[in-house]
Amino acid sequence: IMETEGRIKIIHRQGVRINRIGSKRTSKKSHVVGVLSPSPIETVYPRKILYIDALRDRLAKDDYVLKYYDGNQYFKTGSEKAIQRLVEQERCDCWMLVASSKAVQNWFYSNNITCLIAGSCHQGIDLPYVDVDYQALCRHAVATLRRLGHRNIVYLAPPQLLAGDIRSETGFLEGINERFGDNSAVGSIAHLDPSVDRIMHTVNRLMKQ
């Protein structure tokens, strides 16, 4: 009976082999989603690693494979040829762009490559994207500070502006310029290298002004 059900196979003069029970393998090719990022996976923020792992698990349920590609060669000035070689070689069904510059987004947009922006789109780029509304968030943050009585507000920003960073600055300035009773506010933006010493030096200098 077990041989009839495929659970075992009787091999002449050798014995019995137990067959693995489960779904049969098929030659069906899995779909591939490629994640393109300037940073290796082990150096990104823990929160990003969590959503990448969650996305990988979710895609696997639908027979999709998530592959992670990284390298500054895809994000520096004049990287179009490197991106083209990668896209042609890997043949992913869809790409997800992480921390992408306007040049990278524009290449995918101009070449009609199916992709999703993990972040915000730069101005003039019409691609699907998923991001926090940083413009509204920063505008609300400034309004909160003004309600608490603060009148001289500084926004510390990274030196390399991604689309989300630009929207953050826009929201910050909107919050500064918004009419708030008779109380006006002065706002400034300081672009900093992401180092603790540099940030501490700048904050100390600003606090003394």
Protein backbone atom coordinates (compact mmCIF):
# COMPACT_ATOMS: atom_id res chain seq x y z
CA ILE A 1 0.00 0.00 0.00
CA MET A 2 2.76 2.46 0.94
CA GLU A 3 4.50 1.77 -2.34
CA THR A 4 1.25 2.40 -4.19
CA GLU A 5 0.83 5.73 -2.38
CA GLY A 6 4.36 6.70 -3.36
CA ARG A 7 5.63 6.80 0.23
CA ILE A 8 8.30 4.15 -0.36
CA LYS A 9 10.06 2.52 -3.29
CA ILE A 10 11.13 -1.12 -3.14
CA ILE A 11 14.48 -1.55 -4.86
CA HIS A 12 15.35 -5.10 -5.91
CA ARG A 13 18.12 -6.66 -3.79
CA GLN A 14 18.77 -3.32 -2.04
CA GLY A 15 15.84 -2.71 0.24
CA VAL A 16 13.35 0.09 0.69
CA ARG A 17 13.84 3.78 -0.01
CA ILE A 18 11.59 6.31 1.76
CA ASN A 19 10.36 8.92 -0.64
CA ARG A 20 10.10 12.58 0.43
CA ILE A 21 6.47 13.57 0.71
CA GLY A 22 5.62 17.05 -0.53
CA SER A 23 4.83 19.06 -3.56
CA LYS A 24 6.60 18.02 -6.71
CA ARG A 25 9.26 20.33 -8.07
CA THR A 26 8.37 22.08 -11.24
CA SER A 27 10.44 23.79 -13.85
CA LYS A 28 8.46 26.98 -13.40
CA LYS A 29 10.78 29.96 -13.25
CA SER A 30 10.41 32.17 -10.17
CA HIS A 31 9.87 35.87 -10.62
CA VAL A 32 12.64 38.12 -9.31
CA VAL A 33 12.42 41.51 -7.59
CA GLY A 34 15.72 43.34 -7.43
CA VAL A 35 16.51 45.82 -4.65
CA LEU A 36 19.10 48.40 -5.70
CA SER A 37 20.83 50.31 -2.90
CA PRO A 38 24.09 52.26 -2.49
CA SER A 39 24.80 50.52 0.83
CA PRO A 40 25.48 46.85 1.64
CA ILE A 41 22.64 45.18 3.52
CA GLU A 42 24.71 44.81 6.70
CA THR A 43 25.25 48.58 6.95
CA VAL A 44 21.69 49.84 6.53
CA TYR A 45 19.46 50.89 9.40
CA PRO A 46 17.85 48.00 11.35
CA ARG A 47 14.40 49.31 10.44
CA LYS A 48 15.21 48.94 6.73
CA ILE A 49 16.55 45.43 7.25
CA LEU A 50 13.27 44.50 8.92
CA TYR A 51 11.09 45.71 6.06
CA ILE A 52 13.38 44.06 3.48
CA ASP A 53 13.13 40.74 5.34
CA ALA A 54 9.36 41.14 5.64
CA LEU A 55 9.11 41.90 1.94
CA ARG A 56 11.24 38.85 1.09
CA ASP A 57 8.95 36.59 3.13
CA ARG A 58 5.82 38.07 1.58
CA LEU A 59 7.13 37.72 -1.96
CA ALA A 60 8.22 34.13 -1.34
CA LYS A 61 4.61 33.16 -0.67
CA ASP A 62 3.80 34.15 -4.26
CA ASP A 63 6.88 32.42 -5.71
CA TYR A 64 8.88 35.64 -6.03
CA VAL A 65 12.57 35.87 -5.15
CA LEU A 66 14.07 39.03 -3.66
CA LYS A 67 17.67 39.82 -4.63
CA TYR A 68 19.72 42.64 -3.11
CA TYR A 69 22.23 44.58 -5.21
CA ASP A 70 24.44 47.32 -3.82
CA GLY A 71 27.33 49.53 -4.85
CA ASN A 72 28.22 53.20 -5.18
CA GLN A 73 29.00 52.60 -8.85
CA TYR A 74 25.26 52.66 -9.51
CA PHE A 75 24.68 55.98 -7.75
CA LYS A 76 27.66 58.20 -8.59
CA THR A 77 27.70 60.72 -11.43
CA GLY A 78 27.75 59.00 -14.81
CA SER A 79 26.46 55.68 -13.51
CA GLU A 80 24.03 55.11 -16.38
CA LYS A 81 26.16 52.49 -18.14
CA ALA A 82 26.71 50.54 -14.91
CA ILE A 83 22.97 50.51 -14.22
CA GLN A 84 22.22 49.41 -17.76
CA ARG A 85 24.67 46.49 -17.54
CA LEU A 86 23.15 45.39 -14.22
CA VAL A 87 19.57 45.55 -15.48
CA GLU A 88 20.38 43.71 -18.71
CA GLN A 89 22.37 41.01 -16.90
CA GLU A 90 19.95 40.30 -14.04
CA ARG A 91 16.64 40.56 -15.93
CA CYS A 92 14.54 41.23 -12.82
CA ASP A 93 10.78 41.44 -13.24
CA CYS A 94 10.68 44.55 -11.06
CA TRP A 95 13.19 46.82 -9.29
CA MET A 96 12.95 48.60 -5.96
CA LEU A 97 15.20 51.66 -5.65
CA VAL A 98 16.49 52.56 -2.18
CA ALA A 99 18.09 55.95 -1.36
CA SER A 100 18.06 56.76 -5.06
CA SER A 101 19.26 60.00 -6.62
CA LYS A 102 17.38 61.90 -9.29
CA ALA A 103 19.75 60.57 -11.96
CA VAL A 104 19.04 56.94 -10.99
CA GLN A 105 15.29 57.48 -10.86
CA ASN A 106 15.37 59.29 -14.21
CA TRP A 107 17.24 56.41 -15.88
CA PHE A 108 14.61 53.86 -14.85
CA TYR A 109 11.82 56.27 -15.74
CA SER A 110 13.27 57.16 -19.18
CA ASN A 111 13.95 53.53 -20.06
CA ASN A 112 10.48 52.40 -18.97
CA ILE A 113 11.85 49.84 -16.49
CA THR A 114 9.27 48.51 -14.04
CA CYS A 115 10.27 49.75 -10.61
CA LEU A 116 9.11 51.08 -7.25
CA ILE A 117 10.77 53.87 -5.29
CA ALA A 118 11.37 53.01 -1.63
CA GLY A 119 11.25 56.66 -0.69
CA SER A 120 10.04 59.76 -2.52
CA CYS A 121 10.25 60.67 -6.19
CA HIS A 122 12.32 63.61 -7.30
CA GLN A 123 10.56 66.43 -9.11
CA GLY A 124 9.65 65.50 -12.67
CA ILE A 125 9.84 61.72 -12.02
CA ASP A 126 6.49 59.94 -12.29
CA LEU A 127 7.13 56.55 -10.68
CA PRO A 128 5.20 54.67 -7.97
CA TYR A 129 6.69 55.24 -4.53
CA VAL A 130 6.13 54.45 -0.86
CA ASP A 131 7.35 56.89 1.78
CA VAL A 132 6.49 58.87 4.88
CA ASP A 133 5.04 62.32 4.20
CA TYR A 134 8.14 64.12 5.45
CA GLN A 135 6.88 67.47 4.24
CA ALA A 136 3.82 67.30 6.49
CA LEU A 137 5.85 65.77 9.32
CA CYS A 138 8.42 68.60 9.40
CA ARG A 139 5.75 71.27 9.03
CA HIS A 140 3.94 69.81 12.03
CA ALA A 141 7.19 69.59 14.02
CA VAL A 142 7.91 73.29 13.46
CA ALA A 143 4.35 74.22 14.44
CA THR A 144 4.74 72.22 17.66
CA LEU A 145 8.00 74.00 18.52
CA ARG A 146 6.42 77.37 17.84
CA ARG A 147 3.47 76.57 20.09
CA LEU A 148 6.00 75.79 22.82
CA GLY A 149 7.44 79.29 22.42
CA HIS A 150 10.54 78.62 20.31
CA ARG A 151 11.31 81.37 17.81
CA ASN A 152 14.79 80.52 16.48
CA ILE A 153 14.69 77.05 14.93
CA VAL A 154 17.42 75.23 13.01
CA TYR A 155 16.95 72.14 10.86
CA LEU A 156 20.00 69.84 10.73
CA ALA A 157 20.01 68.11 7.35
CA PRO A 158 22.27 65.55 5.63
CA PRO A 159 24.64 66.86 2.95
CA GLN A 160 23.33 64.59 0.18
CA LEU A 161 19.73 65.50 -0.49
CA LEU A 162 17.40 62.67 -1.41
CA ALA A 163 13.86 63.43 -2.52
CA GLY A 164 12.54 62.87 1.00
CA ASP A 165 15.14 65.27 2.39
CA ILE A 166 14.07 67.96 -0.05
CA ARG A 167 10.45 67.51 1.01
CA SER A 168 11.52 67.70 4.64
CA GLU A 169 13.21 71.06 4.04
CA THR A 170 10.14 72.30 2.17
CA GLY A 171 7.90 71.36 5.11
CA PHE A 172 10.33 73.00 7.56
CA LEU A 173 10.24 76.30 5.68
CA GLU A 174 6.46 76.12 5.36
CA GLY A 175 6.24 75.75 9.13
CA ILE A 176 8.54 78.75 9.64
CA ASN A 177 6.67 81.00 7.19
CA GLU A 178 3.19 80.01 8.31
CA ARG A 179 1.28 82.71 10.16
CA PHE A 180 1.06 81.80 13.82
CA GLY A 181 -0.78 84.58 15.60
CA ASP A 182 1.49 87.53 16.30
CA ASN A 183 4.53 85.35 16.88
CA SER A 184 7.04 85.16 14.04
CA ALA A 185 9.88 82.66 13.83
CA VAL A 186 13.31 82.57 12.25
CA GLY A 187 14.45 79.34 10.65
CA SER A 188 17.68 78.14 9.06
CA ILE A 189 18.93 74.90 7.54
CA ALA A 190 22.39 73.51 8.30
CA HIS A 191 23.75 70.71 6.11
CA LEU A 192 26.07 68.44 8.10
CA ASP A 193 28.29 65.47 7.53
CA PRO A 194 26.79 62.50 9.43
CA SER A 195 29.47 62.38 12.11
CA VAL A 196 28.86 62.81 15.84
CA ASP A 197 31.79 65.21 16.34
CA ARG A 198 30.72 67.45 13.47
CA ILE A 199 27.11 67.55 14.65
CA MET A 200 28.11 68.34 18.25
CA HIS A 201 30.42 71.13 17.09
CA THR A 202 27.71 72.70 14.94
CA VAL A 203 25.02 72.43 17.61
CA ASN A 204 27.29 74.00 20.23
CA ARG A 205 28.13 76.85 17.87
CA LEU A 206 24.47 77.46 17.03
CA MET A 207 23.43 77.41 20.68
CA LYS A 208 25.91 80.17 21.47
CA GLN A 209 24.55 82.51 18.82
